[in-house]
Amino acid sequence: MDFMQFFDMLLHVDKSLEVVIQQYGTLVYVVLFAIIFCETGLVVLFFFPGDSLLFIAGAFCATGDMNLLLLNVLLVTAAVTGNTLNYKIGGAIGQRVYTHDYRWLNKDAMRRTHDFFEKHGGKTIVLARFVPVVRTFAPLVAGVSEMPHGRFQLYNISGALLWVVSLTMAGYFFGNIPVVRDHLSEIVMVAIGVVMIPILLGGAWRLGRRVIGR
């Protein structure tokens, strides 16, 4: 297998995980760790699979091909350390990220994430875990915004646990049901909506109180 074939396999591992397990055995854990770490820690690799990969990996745990506890421990660790690296990169670059033209940085994604961060504050680190692309840029924005390290890690660890465990467990229990597997993207979007609705209602309530109080 040449480099391009290997990279293509990594990029679409959520669709070829069975082949990866058959060819590499227990090394699949290393592959999955690397993908989650890179997807959360390096903004240039924001296109790596995330939600679907976790769900499919959970489904393979249900068939006995992987160990669910080991998978969760490794991938939560990957998600936490990946975000931490991204946060430190943001802190090192600082506000220059908005004024300099970095070829490796998607400015549109950066602006969307910044707006998301401005709207939801620290909760963005948790919520962004379920939003592709925003998930990768959120810790960078947190670092640029100089969010206190302790506060960041609280949201970082909480978000990683919620994201990894909820999706792998969902895959474990429902991933081998054809109708669920075939409509994974729609199910993830509904889940995001369920998470966002209480926050949006809370924001609307606070805004309404301010308007009434004037």
N, C-alpha and C. Protein backbone atom coordinates (compact mmCIF):
# COMPACT_ATOMS: atom_id res chain seq x y z
N MET A 1 0.85 -1.20 0.00
CA MET A 1 0.00 0.00 0.00
C MET A 1 0.89 1.25 0.00
N ASP A 2 0.73 2.14 -1.01
CA ASP A 2 1.53 3.36 -1.04
C ASP A 2 0.92 4.43 -0.15
N PHE A 3 1.62 5.58 -0.06
CA PHE A 3 1.19 6.63 0.87
C PHE A 3 -0.19 7.15 0.53
N MET A 4 -0.48 7.37 -0.76
CA MET A 4 -1.77 7.94 -1.15
C MET A 4 -2.91 6.98 -0.83
N GLN A 5 -2.69 5.69 -1.03
CA GLN A 5 -3.70 4.70 -0.69
C GLN A 5 -3.94 4.68 0.82
N PHE A 6 -2.84 4.77 1.59
CA PHE A 6 -2.95 4.78 3.05
C PHE A 6 -3.69 6.03 3.53
N PHE A 7 -3.37 7.19 2.92
CA PHE A 7 -4.04 8.44 3.30
C PHE A 7 -5.52 8.39 2.95
N ASP A 8 -5.84 7.82 1.79
CA ASP A 8 -7.25 7.70 1.39
C ASP A 8 -8.00 6.78 2.34
N MET A 9 -7.32 5.72 2.80
CA MET A 9 -7.93 4.82 3.76
C MET A 9 -8.20 5.56 5.08
N LEU A 10 -7.25 6.38 5.53
CA LEU A 10 -7.44 7.16 6.74
C LEU A 10 -8.59 8.13 6.60
N LEU A 11 -8.65 8.77 5.44
CA LEU A 11 -9.67 9.79 5.20
C LEU A 11 -11.07 9.19 5.20
N HIS A 12 -11.19 7.94 4.75
CA HIS A 12 -12.50 7.29 4.65
C HIS A 12 -12.58 6.07 5.56
N VAL A 13 -11.85 6.13 6.69
CA VAL A 13 -11.80 4.97 7.57
C VAL A 13 -13.16 4.66 8.17
N ASP A 14 -14.04 5.67 8.25
CA ASP A 14 -15.38 5.40 8.77
C ASP A 14 -16.15 4.47 7.85
N LYS A 15 -15.75 4.41 6.57
CA LYS A 15 -16.41 3.53 5.61
C LYS A 15 -15.61 2.27 5.36
N SER A 16 -14.36 2.24 5.76
CA SER A 16 -13.51 1.07 5.49
C SER A 16 -12.92 0.48 6.76
N LEU A 17 -13.59 0.72 7.89
CA LEU A 17 -13.04 0.29 9.17
C LEU A 17 -12.91 -1.23 9.25
N GLU A 18 -13.84 -1.94 8.65
CA GLU A 18 -13.77 -3.40 8.69
C GLU A 18 -12.49 -3.90 8.03
N VAL A 19 -12.12 -3.27 6.90
CA VAL A 19 -10.89 -3.65 6.20
C VAL A 19 -9.67 -3.33 7.06
N VAL A 20 -9.70 -2.17 7.72
CA VAL A 20 -8.58 -1.77 8.60
C VAL A 20 -8.41 -2.78 9.72
N ILE A 21 -9.51 -3.20 10.33
CA ILE A 21 -9.45 -4.19 11.41
C ILE A 21 -8.88 -5.51 10.91
N GLN A 22 -9.32 -5.95 9.73
CA GLN A 22 -8.86 -7.22 9.18
C GLN A 22 -7.37 -7.18 8.84
N GLN A 23 -6.90 -6.03 8.31
CA GLN A 23 -5.51 -5.94 7.86
C GLN A 23 -4.53 -5.60 8.98
N TYR A 24 -4.97 -4.82 9.96
CA TYR A 24 -4.04 -4.32 10.97
C TYR A 24 -4.31 -4.81 12.38
N GLY A 25 -5.41 -5.51 12.60
CA GLY A 25 -5.69 -6.07 13.91
C GLY A 25 -5.76 -5.00 15.00
N THR A 26 -5.03 -5.22 16.08
CA THR A 26 -5.09 -4.28 17.21
C THR A 26 -4.48 -2.92 16.89
N LEU A 27 -3.74 -2.81 15.81
CA LEU A 27 -3.19 -1.51 15.41
C LEU A 27 -4.30 -0.55 15.01
N VAL A 28 -5.52 -1.07 14.84
CA VAL A 28 -6.65 -0.20 14.51
C VAL A 28 -6.84 0.86 15.59
N TYR A 29 -6.51 0.51 16.84
CA TYR A 29 -6.64 1.48 17.94
C TYR A 29 -5.68 2.66 17.72
N VAL A 30 -4.49 2.37 17.24
CA VAL A 30 -3.50 3.41 16.96
C VAL A 30 -3.99 4.30 15.82
N VAL A 31 -4.55 3.68 14.80
CA VAL A 31 -5.07 4.43 13.65
C VAL A 31 -6.19 5.36 14.09
N LEU A 32 -7.14 4.85 14.87
CA LEU A 32 -8.27 5.66 15.32
C LEU A 32 -7.82 6.78 16.26
N PHE A 33 -6.88 6.48 17.15
CA PHE A 33 -6.32 7.50 18.04
C PHE A 33 -5.71 8.63 17.21
N ALA A 34 -4.91 8.26 16.21
CA ALA A 34 -4.25 9.26 15.38
C ALA A 34 -5.25 10.13 14.62
N ILE A 35 -6.30 9.52 14.11
CA ILE A 35 -7.30 10.28 13.35
C ILE A 35 -8.01 11.28 14.25
N ILE A 36 -8.48 10.84 15.41
CA ILE A 36 -9.19 11.75 16.32
C ILE A 36 -8.25 12.83 16.84
N PHE A 37 -7.02 12.48 17.16
CA PHE A 37 -6.05 13.47 17.63
C PHE A 37 -5.80 14.53 16.55
N CYS A 38 -5.59 14.09 15.33
CA CYS A 38 -5.30 15.03 14.23
C CYS A 38 -6.52 15.87 13.88
N GLU A 39 -7.71 15.25 13.89
CA GLU A 39 -8.93 15.99 13.52
C GLU A 39 -9.25 17.08 14.53
N THR A 40 -8.93 16.85 15.80
CA THR A 40 -9.21 17.84 16.83
C THR A 40 -8.02 18.75 17.11
N GLY A 41 -6.82 18.31 16.76
CA GLY A 41 -5.63 19.06 17.12
C GLY A 41 -4.98 19.86 16.01
N LEU A 42 -5.27 19.54 14.75
CA LEU A 42 -4.61 20.20 13.63
C LEU A 42 -5.66 20.74 12.67
N VAL A 43 -5.75 22.06 12.56
CA VAL A 43 -6.82 22.66 11.76
C VAL A 43 -6.69 22.32 10.28
N VAL A 44 -5.50 21.98 9.84
CA VAL A 44 -5.33 21.62 8.43
C VAL A 44 -5.99 20.28 8.11
N LEU A 45 -6.33 19.50 9.14
CA LEU A 45 -6.95 18.19 8.93
C LEU A 45 -8.38 18.16 9.43
N PHE A 46 -9.06 19.31 9.34
CA PHE A 46 -10.44 19.41 9.80
C PHE A 46 -11.39 18.49 9.04
N PHE A 47 -10.96 18.03 7.86
CA PHE A 47 -11.82 17.20 7.02
C PHE A 47 -11.75 15.71 7.39
N PHE A 48 -10.92 15.36 8.36
CA PHE A 48 -10.87 13.96 8.79
C PHE A 48 -12.21 13.57 9.42
N PRO A 49 -12.59 12.29 9.35
CA PRO A 49 -13.88 11.86 9.92
C PRO A 49 -13.89 11.96 11.43
N GLY A 50 -15.04 12.28 12.00
CA GLY A 50 -15.16 12.41 13.45
C GLY A 50 -16.37 11.69 13.97
N ASP A 51 -17.56 12.32 13.85
CA ASP A 51 -18.80 11.74 14.39
C ASP A 51 -19.07 10.35 13.82
N SER A 52 -19.03 10.24 12.52
CA SER A 52 -19.35 8.96 11.89
C SER A 52 -18.33 7.89 12.27
N LEU A 53 -17.07 8.29 12.41
CA LEU A 53 -16.03 7.34 12.80
C LEU A 53 -16.30 6.77 14.19
N LEU A 54 -16.67 7.63 15.13
CA LEU A 54 -16.96 7.17 16.48
C LEU A 54 -18.16 6.22 16.49
N PHE A 55 -19.18 6.58 15.74
CA PHE A 55 -20.39 5.76 15.68
C PHE A 55 -20.09 4.38 15.11
N ILE A 56 -19.38 4.35 13.98
CA ILE A 56 -19.06 3.08 13.33
C ILE A 56 -18.13 2.24 14.21
N ALA A 57 -17.18 2.89 14.87
CA ALA A 57 -16.27 2.16 15.77
C ALA A 57 -17.07 1.51 16.90
N GLY A 58 -18.05 2.23 17.44
CA GLY A 58 -18.91 1.64 18.47
C GLY A 58 -19.67 0.44 17.95
N ALA A 59 -20.11 0.51 16.71
CA ALA A 59 -20.84 -0.61 16.11
C ALA A 59 -19.95 -1.85 16.00
N PHE A 60 -18.66 -1.65 15.69
CA PHE A 60 -17.75 -2.79 15.60
C PHE A 60 -17.42 -3.36 16.98
N CYS A 61 -17.53 -2.52 18.00
CA CYS A 61 -17.37 -3.04 19.37
C CYS A 61 -18.50 -4.01 19.70
N ALA A 62 -19.70 -3.70 19.19
CA ALA A 62 -20.85 -4.57 19.45
C ALA A 62 -20.69 -5.94 18.81
N THR A 63 -19.93 -6.01 17.72
CA THR A 63 -19.71 -7.30 17.04
C THR A 63 -18.52 -8.05 17.62
N GLY A 64 -17.82 -7.43 18.59
CA GLY A 64 -16.68 -8.10 19.22
C GLY A 64 -15.36 -7.86 18.54
N ASP A 65 -15.33 -7.03 17.50
CA ASP A 65 -14.08 -6.77 16.78
C ASP A 65 -13.16 -5.82 17.55
N MET A 66 -13.72 -5.00 18.44
CA MET A 66 -12.93 -4.10 19.26
C MET A 66 -13.50 -4.07 20.67
N ASN A 67 -12.68 -3.61 21.62
CA ASN A 67 -13.08 -3.52 23.01
C ASN A 67 -13.63 -2.11 23.27
N LEU A 68 -14.87 -2.03 23.76
CA LEU A 68 -15.53 -0.73 23.93
C LEU A 68 -14.84 0.14 24.97
N LEU A 69 -14.46 -0.44 26.11
CA LEU A 69 -13.83 0.35 27.16
C LEU A 69 -12.48 0.89 26.71
N LEU A 70 -11.66 0.04 26.12
CA LEU A 70 -10.35 0.47 25.62
C LEU A 70 -10.50 1.55 24.56
N LEU A 71 -11.46 1.35 23.66
CA LEU A 71 -11.70 2.33 22.59
C LEU A 71 -12.05 3.69 23.19
N ASN A 72 -12.96 3.72 24.16
CA ASN A 72 -13.38 4.98 24.76
C ASN A 72 -12.24 5.68 25.49
N VAL A 73 -11.47 4.92 26.25
CA VAL A 73 -10.34 5.51 26.98
C VAL A 73 -9.35 6.14 26.01
N LEU A 74 -9.01 5.43 24.96
CA LEU A 74 -8.03 5.93 23.99
C LEU A 74 -8.56 7.15 23.23
N LEU A 75 -9.82 7.10 22.80
CA LEU A 75 -10.33 8.19 21.98
C LEU A 75 -10.68 9.43 22.79
N VAL A 76 -11.09 9.26 24.03
CA VAL A 76 -11.26 10.44 24.90
C VAL A 76 -9.90 11.10 25.12
N THR A 77 -8.87 10.29 25.35
CA THR A 77 -7.52 10.82 25.51
C THR A 77 -7.07 11.55 24.25
N ALA A 78 -7.35 10.97 23.09
CA ALA A 78 -6.98 11.60 21.83
C ALA A 78 -7.69 12.93 21.65
N ALA A 79 -8.99 12.97 21.99
CA ALA A 79 -9.77 14.19 21.83
C ALA A 79 -9.31 15.28 22.78
N VAL A 80 -8.97 14.91 24.01
CA VAL A 80 -8.50 15.90 25.00
C VAL A 80 -7.13 16.44 24.61
N THR A 81 -6.20 15.56 24.29
CA THR A 81 -4.85 16.01 23.95
C THR A 81 -4.82 16.75 22.62
N GLY A 82 -5.66 16.34 21.67
CA GLY A 82 -5.74 17.06 20.40
C GLY A 82 -6.21 18.49 20.60
N ASN A 83 -7.28 18.65 21.36
CA ASN A 83 -7.79 20.00 21.65
C ASN A 83 -6.76 20.84 22.40
N THR A 84 -6.04 20.20 23.32
CA THR A 84 -5.03 20.93 24.10
C THR A 84 -3.92 21.45 23.19
N LEU A 85 -3.47 20.62 22.26
CA LEU A 85 -2.46 21.06 21.29
C LEU A 85 -2.98 22.25 20.48
N ASN A 86 -4.22 22.14 20.01
CA ASN A 86 -4.83 23.20 19.21
C ASN A 86 -4.94 24.50 20.01
N TYR A 87 -5.32 24.37 21.26
CA TYR A 87 -5.43 25.53 22.17
C TYR A 87 -4.07 26.21 22.34
N LYS A 88 -3.02 25.42 22.51
CA LYS A 88 -1.68 25.98 22.68
C LYS A 88 -1.18 26.64 21.41
N ILE A 89 -1.54 26.07 20.26
CA ILE A 89 -1.18 26.71 18.98
C ILE A 89 -1.87 28.07 18.87
N GLY A 90 -3.16 28.11 19.24
CA GLY A 90 -3.89 29.37 19.21
C GLY A 90 -3.28 30.40 20.14
N GLY A 91 -2.88 29.96 21.33
CA GLY A 91 -2.26 30.86 22.28
C GLY A 91 -0.94 31.40 21.78
N ALA A 92 -0.17 30.56 21.07
CA ALA A 92 1.13 30.97 20.55
C ALA A 92 0.98 31.97 19.40
N ILE A 93 -0.02 31.77 18.56
CA ILE A 93 -0.23 32.66 17.41
C ILE A 93 -0.87 33.97 17.85
N GLY A 94 -1.85 33.87 18.76
CA GLY A 94 -2.52 35.07 19.26
C GLY A 94 -3.38 35.75 18.20
N GLN A 95 -3.56 37.04 18.36
CA GLN A 95 -4.45 37.80 17.48
C GLN A 95 -3.94 37.89 16.04
N ARG A 96 -2.68 37.49 15.82
CA ARG A 96 -2.15 37.51 14.45
C ARG A 96 -2.96 36.62 13.52
N VAL A 97 -3.68 35.65 14.12
CA VAL A 97 -4.46 34.72 13.31
C VAL A 97 -5.53 35.45 12.50
N TYR A 98 -5.98 36.62 12.97
CA TYR A 98 -7.01 37.38 12.27
C TYR A 98 -6.44 38.38 11.26
N THR A 99 -5.15 38.69 11.39
CA THR A 99 -4.56 39.73 10.52
C THR A 99 -3.59 39.18 9.49
N HIS A 100 -2.96 38.05 9.78
CA HIS A 100 -2.01 37.46 8.85
C HIS A 100 -2.71 36.46 7.92
N ASP A 101 -2.12 36.27 6.77
CA ASP A 101 -2.66 35.33 5.79
C ASP A 101 -1.92 34.01 5.90
N TYR A 102 -2.47 33.09 6.70
CA TYR A 102 -1.87 31.77 6.86
C TYR A 102 -2.49 30.82 5.84
N ARG A 103 -1.64 30.23 5.01
CA ARG A 103 -2.15 29.33 3.96
C ARG A 103 -2.84 28.10 4.53
N TRP A 104 -2.38 27.67 5.68
CA TRP A 104 -2.93 26.44 6.27
C TRP A 104 -4.24 26.67 7.01
N LEU A 105 -4.68 27.94 7.09
CA LEU A 105 -5.86 28.27 7.90
C LEU A 105 -7.04 28.63 7.01
N ASN A 106 -8.17 27.97 7.23
CA ASN A 106 -9.40 28.27 6.51
C ASN A 106 -10.08 29.45 7.19
N LYS A 107 -9.98 30.64 6.58
CA LYS A 107 -10.46 31.85 7.23
C LYS A 107 -11.98 31.84 7.42
N ASP A 108 -12.71 31.27 6.46
CA ASP A 108 -14.17 31.21 6.60
C ASP A 108 -14.56 30.37 7.81
N ALA A 109 -13.93 29.21 7.96
CA ALA A 109 -14.21 28.35 9.11
C ALA A 109 -13.80 29.04 10.40
N MET A 110 -12.70 29.78 10.34
CA MET A 110 -12.23 30.50 11.53
C MET A 110 -13.24 31.56 11.94
N ARG A 111 -13.77 32.29 10.99
CA ARG A 111 -14.76 33.34 11.31
C ARG A 111 -16.05 32.74 11.85
N ARG A 112 -16.51 31.64 11.25
CA ARG A 112 -17.73 30.98 11.74
C ARG A 112 -17.55 30.51 13.18
N THR A 113 -16.38 29.95 13.44
CA THR A 113 -16.11 29.47 14.79
C THR A 113 -16.01 30.62 15.77
N HIS A 114 -15.38 31.72 15.35
CA HIS A 114 -15.26 32.89 16.22
C HIS A 114 -16.65 33.43 16.58
N ASP A 115 -17.55 33.49 15.60
CA ASP A 115 -18.92 33.96 15.86
C ASP A 115 -19.63 33.02 16.83
N PHE A 116 -19.42 31.72 16.63
CA PHE A 116 -20.01 30.70 17.50
C PHE A 116 -19.48 30.88 18.93
N PHE A 117 -18.18 31.13 19.02
CA PHE A 117 -17.53 31.30 20.32
C PHE A 117 -18.04 32.55 21.02
N GLU A 118 -18.20 33.64 20.25
CA GLU A 118 -18.70 34.89 20.82
C GLU A 118 -20.13 34.72 21.35
N LYS A 119 -20.91 33.89 20.70
CA LYS A 119 -22.31 33.71 21.07
C LYS A 119 -22.46 32.81 22.29
N HIS A 120 -21.65 31.76 22.36
CA HIS A 120 -21.86 30.75 23.40
C HIS A 120 -20.75 30.68 24.45
N GLY A 121 -19.67 31.45 24.27
CA GLY A 121 -18.61 31.47 25.26
C GLY A 121 -17.94 30.12 25.44
N GLY A 122 -17.58 29.81 26.69
CA GLY A 122 -16.86 28.59 26.96
C GLY A 122 -17.61 27.33 26.60
N LYS A 123 -18.94 27.40 26.60
CA LYS A 123 -19.75 26.22 26.24
C LYS A 123 -19.47 25.78 24.80
N THR A 124 -18.88 26.70 24.02
CA THR A 124 -18.53 26.35 22.63
C THR A 124 -17.63 25.13 22.58
N ILE A 125 -16.71 25.00 23.53
CA ILE A 125 -15.77 23.89 23.53
C ILE A 125 -16.51 22.56 23.66
N VAL A 126 -17.62 22.55 24.40
CA VAL A 126 -18.43 21.34 24.54
C VAL A 126 -19.34 21.16 23.33
N LEU A 127 -20.07 22.21 22.97
CA LEU A 127 -21.04 22.12 21.86
C LEU A 127 -20.35 21.83 20.53
N ALA A 128 -19.18 22.44 20.34
CA ALA A 128 -18.49 22.29 19.06
C ALA A 128 -18.07 20.86 18.78
N ARG A 129 -17.96 20.05 19.82
CA ARG A 129 -17.59 18.65 19.61
C ARG A 129 -18.55 17.96 18.64
N PHE A 130 -19.79 18.41 18.59
CA PHE A 130 -20.80 17.77 17.75
C PHE A 130 -21.01 18.49 16.42
N VAL A 131 -20.18 19.51 16.14
CA VAL A 131 -20.33 20.29 14.91
C VAL A 131 -19.05 20.16 14.09
N PRO A 132 -19.06 19.39 12.99
CA PRO A 132 -17.86 19.24 12.17
C PRO A 132 -17.28 20.59 11.75
N VAL A 133 -15.98 20.65 11.58
CA VAL A 133 -15.20 21.84 11.24
C VAL A 133 -15.11 22.80 12.44
N VAL A 134 -16.26 23.23 12.97
CA VAL A 134 -16.24 24.09 14.16
C VAL A 134 -15.51 23.37 15.28
N ARG A 135 -15.70 22.06 15.37
CA ARG A 135 -15.02 21.25 16.40
C ARG A 135 -13.51 21.43 16.34
N THR A 136 -12.96 21.49 15.14
CA THR A 136 -11.51 21.59 14.98
C THR A 136 -10.99 22.98 15.27
N PHE A 137 -11.79 24.01 14.96
CA PHE A 137 -11.34 25.38 15.11
C PHE A 137 -11.62 25.96 16.49
N ALA A 138 -12.56 25.38 17.24
CA ALA A 138 -12.95 25.95 18.54
C ALA A 138 -11.79 26.06 19.52
N PRO A 139 -10.97 25.02 19.72
CA PRO A 139 -9.87 25.18 20.67
C PRO A 139 -8.83 26.19 20.22
N LEU A 140 -8.65 26.33 18.90
CA LEU A 140 -7.72 27.34 18.38
C LEU A 140 -8.22 28.74 18.75
N VAL A 141 -9.52 28.97 18.55
CA VAL A 141 -10.12 30.26 18.90
C VAL A 141 -10.02 30.50 20.41
N ALA A 142 -10.21 29.45 21.20
CA ALA A 142 -10.11 29.59 22.66
C ALA A 142 -8.70 30.01 23.05
N GLY A 143 -7.71 29.45 22.39
CA GLY A 143 -6.32 29.83 22.67
C GLY A 143 -6.04 31.25 22.25
N VAL A 144 -6.52 31.64 21.08
CA VAL A 144 -6.34 33.01 20.59
C VAL A 144 -7.02 34.00 21.53
N SER A 145 -8.19 33.61 22.05
CA SER A 145 -8.96 34.49 22.94
C SER A 145 -8.43 34.49 24.37
N GLU A 146 -7.37 33.71 24.62
CA GLU A 146 -6.72 33.64 25.93
C GLU A 146 -7.69 33.16 27.03
N MET A 147 -8.51 32.18 26.70
CA MET A 147 -9.34 31.55 27.73
C MET A 147 -8.43 30.93 28.77
N PRO A 148 -8.69 31.15 30.06
CA PRO A 148 -7.85 30.55 31.11
C PRO A 148 -7.71 29.04 30.93
N HIS A 149 -6.50 28.54 31.12
CA HIS A 149 -6.21 27.14 30.84
C HIS A 149 -7.09 26.19 31.64
N GLY A 150 -7.27 26.47 32.93
CA GLY A 150 -8.09 25.60 33.77
C GLY A 150 -9.52 25.54 33.30
N ARG A 151 -10.08 26.70 32.93
CA ARG A 151 -11.46 26.74 32.43
C ARG A 151 -11.57 25.98 31.10
N PHE A 152 -10.58 26.18 30.25
CA PHE A 152 -10.59 25.48 28.97
C PHE A 152 -10.58 23.97 29.18
N GLN A 153 -9.71 23.49 30.07
CA GLN A 153 -9.61 22.05 30.28
C GLN A 153 -10.88 21.46 30.87
N LEU A 154 -11.58 22.24 31.69
CA LEU A 154 -12.85 21.76 32.23
C LEU A 154 -13.84 21.48 31.10
N TYR A 155 -13.98 22.44 30.19
CA TYR A 155 -14.86 22.26 29.04
C TYR A 155 -14.31 21.21 28.08
N ASN A 156 -13.00 21.19 27.92
CA ASN A 156 -12.35 20.26 27.01
C ASN A 156 -12.60 18.81 27.40
N ILE A 157 -12.34 18.49 28.67
CA ILE A 157 -12.51 17.11 29.14
C ILE A 157 -13.99 16.72 29.15
N SER A 158 -14.84 17.64 29.60
CA SER A 158 -16.29 17.36 29.62
C SER A 158 -16.80 17.09 28.21
N GLY A 159 -16.40 17.94 27.28
CA GLY A 159 -16.85 17.78 25.90
C GLY A 159 -16.34 16.50 25.27
N ALA A 160 -15.07 16.16 25.53
CA ALA A 160 -14.50 14.93 24.97
C ALA A 160 -15.24 13.70 25.48
N LEU A 161 -15.50 13.67 26.78
CA LEU A 161 -16.23 12.54 27.35
C LEU A 161 -17.62 12.42 26.74
N LEU A 162 -18.34 13.53 26.67
CA LEU A 162 -19.70 13.53 26.14
C LEU A 162 -19.72 13.10 24.68
N TRP A 163 -18.81 13.66 23.90
CA TRP A 163 -18.76 13.39 22.46
C TRP A 163 -18.40 11.94 22.18
N VAL A 164 -17.28 11.49 22.70
CA VAL A 164 -16.79 10.15 22.39
C VAL A 164 -17.73 9.07 22.94
N VAL A 165 -18.06 9.18 24.21
CA VAL A 165 -18.85 8.12 24.84
C VAL A 165 -20.26 8.05 24.26
N SER A 166 -20.89 9.21 24.04
CA SER A 166 -22.26 9.18 23.52
C SER A 166 -22.32 8.57 22.13
N LEU A 167 -21.36 8.89 21.26
CA LEU A 167 -21.41 8.38 19.89
C LEU A 167 -20.96 6.93 19.79
N THR A 168 -19.95 6.54 20.56
CA THR A 168 -19.55 5.13 20.51
C THR A 168 -20.63 4.24 21.12
N MET A 169 -21.27 4.72 22.20
CA MET A 169 -22.35 3.94 22.81
C MET A 169 -23.57 3.86 21.88
N ALA A 170 -23.85 4.97 21.18
CA ALA A 170 -24.95 4.95 20.21
C ALA A 170 -24.65 3.94 19.11
N GLY A 171 -23.40 3.92 18.65
CA GLY A 171 -23.00 2.95 17.64
C GLY A 171 -23.07 1.53 18.16
N TYR A 172 -22.69 1.35 19.43
CA TYR A 172 -22.70 0.03 20.05
C TYR A 172 -24.11 -0.56 20.09
N PHE A 173 -25.07 0.27 20.43
CA PHE A 173 -26.44 -0.23 20.58
C PHE A 173 -27.26 -0.17 19.29
N PHE A 174 -26.96 0.80 18.42
CA PHE A 174 -27.82 1.00 17.25
C PHE A 174 -27.09 0.93 15.90
N GLY A 175 -25.76 0.86 15.92
CA GLY A 175 -25.00 0.97 14.68
C GLY A 175 -25.20 -0.13 13.69
N ASN A 176 -25.64 -1.30 14.16
CA ASN A 176 -25.82 -2.42 13.24
C ASN A 176 -27.25 -2.56 12.74
N ILE A 177 -28.07 -1.55 13.04
CA ILE A 177 -29.43 -1.50 12.48
C ILE A 177 -29.35 -0.75 11.15
N PRO A 178 -29.69 -1.37 10.02
CA PRO A 178 -29.48 -0.77 8.70
C PRO A 178 -30.05 0.64 8.56
N VAL A 179 -31.26 0.89 9.02
CA VAL A 179 -31.88 2.20 8.83
C VAL A 179 -31.12 3.28 9.59
N VAL A 180 -30.53 2.93 10.72
CA VAL A 180 -29.73 3.89 11.50
C VAL A 180 -28.40 4.15 10.79
N ARG A 181 -27.75 3.08 10.37
CA ARG A 181 -26.46 3.21 9.70
C ARG A 181 -26.57 4.03 8.42
N ASP A 182 -27.66 3.87 7.69
CA ASP A 182 -27.83 4.56 6.41
C ASP A 182 -28.23 6.02 6.55
N HIS A 183 -28.69 6.43 7.73
CA HIS A 183 -29.13 7.82 7.94
C HIS A 183 -28.37 8.46 9.09
N LEU A 184 -27.08 8.11 9.22
CA LEU A 184 -26.29 8.60 10.34
C LEU A 184 -26.17 10.12 10.36
N SER A 185 -25.94 10.74 9.19
CA SER A 185 -25.77 12.20 9.14
C SER A 185 -27.00 12.92 9.67
N GLU A 186 -28.18 12.46 9.25
CA GLU A 186 -29.42 13.10 9.71
C GLU A 186 -29.61 12.92 11.22
N ILE A 187 -29.25 11.75 11.73
CA ILE A 187 -29.40 11.49 13.16
C ILE A 187 -28.48 12.39 13.97
N VAL A 188 -27.25 12.58 13.49
CA VAL A 188 -26.30 13.47 14.18
C VAL A 188 -26.83 14.90 14.21
N MET A 189 -27.40 15.37 13.10
CA MET A 189 -27.94 16.73 13.04
C MET A 189 -29.09 16.91 14.03
N VAL A 190 -29.94 15.89 14.14
CA VAL A 190 -31.05 15.96 15.11
C VAL A 190 -30.50 16.04 16.52
N ALA A 191 -29.46 15.25 16.80
CA ALA A 191 -28.85 15.27 18.13
C ALA A 191 -28.27 16.64 18.44
N ILE A 192 -27.63 17.26 17.45
CA ILE A 192 -27.09 18.61 17.64
C ILE A 192 -28.22 19.58 17.96
N GLY A 193 -29.34 19.44 17.26
CA GLY A 193 -30.49 20.31 17.50
C GLY A 193 -31.03 20.16 18.91
N VAL A 194 -31.07 18.92 19.39
CA VAL A 194 -31.56 18.67 20.75
C VAL A 194 -30.66 19.33 21.78
N VAL A 195 -29.34 19.30 21.53
CA VAL A 195 -28.40 19.93 22.45
C VAL A 195 -28.52 21.45 22.41
N MET A 196 -28.73 22.00 21.21
CA MET A 196 -28.71 23.46 21.02
C MET A 196 -29.99 24.13 21.49
N ILE A 197 -31.13 23.46 21.39
CA ILE A 197 -32.42 24.11 21.69
C ILE A 197 -32.47 24.72 23.09
N PRO A 198 -32.10 23.99 24.16
CA PRO A 198 -32.15 24.61 25.49
C PRO A 198 -31.26 25.84 25.61
N ILE A 199 -30.10 25.81 24.95
CA ILE A 199 -29.18 26.95 25.02
C ILE A 199 -29.76 28.15 24.28
N LEU A 200 -30.34 27.92 23.12
CA LEU A 200 -30.94 29.00 22.36
C LEU A 200 -32.14 29.59 23.10
N LEU A 201 -32.94 28.73 23.71
CA LEU A 201 -34.09 29.23 24.48
C LEU A 201 -33.62 30.04 25.69
N GLY A 202 -32.54 29.58 26.32
CA GLY A 202 -32.00 30.33 27.45
C GLY A 202 -31.49 31.69 27.02
N GLY A 203 -30.82 31.76 25.86
CA GLY A 203 -30.34 33.04 25.35
C GLY A 203 -31.50 33.96 25.01
N ALA A 204 -32.55 33.42 24.41
CA ALA A 204 -33.72 34.23 24.06
C ALA A 204 -34.41 34.76 25.32
N TRP A 205 -34.45 33.92 26.36
CA TRP A 205 -35.06 34.34 27.62
C TRP A 205 -34.29 35.49 28.26
N ARG A 206 -32.94 35.39 28.27
CA ARG A 206 -32.13 36.47 28.85
C ARG A 206 -32.26 37.75 28.03
N LEU A 207 -32.28 37.61 26.69
CA LEU A 207 -32.44 38.78 25.83
C LEU A 207 -33.79 39.44 26.07
N GLY A 208 -34.85 38.62 26.20
CA GLY A 208 -36.19 39.16 26.46
C GLY A 208 -36.26 39.91 27.77
N ARG A 209 -35.58 39.39 28.79
CA ARG A 209 -35.59 40.07 30.10
C ARG A 209 -34.89 41.41 30.03
N ARG A 210 -33.78 41.46 29.21
CA ARG A 210 -33.09 42.73 29.08
C ARG A 210 -33.96 43.76 28.40
N VAL A 211 -34.66 43.31 27.32
CA VAL A 211 -35.52 44.24 26.57
C VAL A 211 -36.66 44.74 27.44
N ILE A 212 -37.27 43.85 28.19
CA ILE A 212 -38.39 44.22 29.05
C ILE A 212 -37.93 45.16 30.17
N GLY A 213 -36.69 44.93 30.63
CA GLY A 213 -36.19 45.72 31.74
C GLY A 213 -35.80 47.14 31.35
N ARG A 214 -35.71 47.41 30.07
CA ARG A 214 -35.34 48.76 29.63
C ARG A 214 -36.52 49.72 29.73
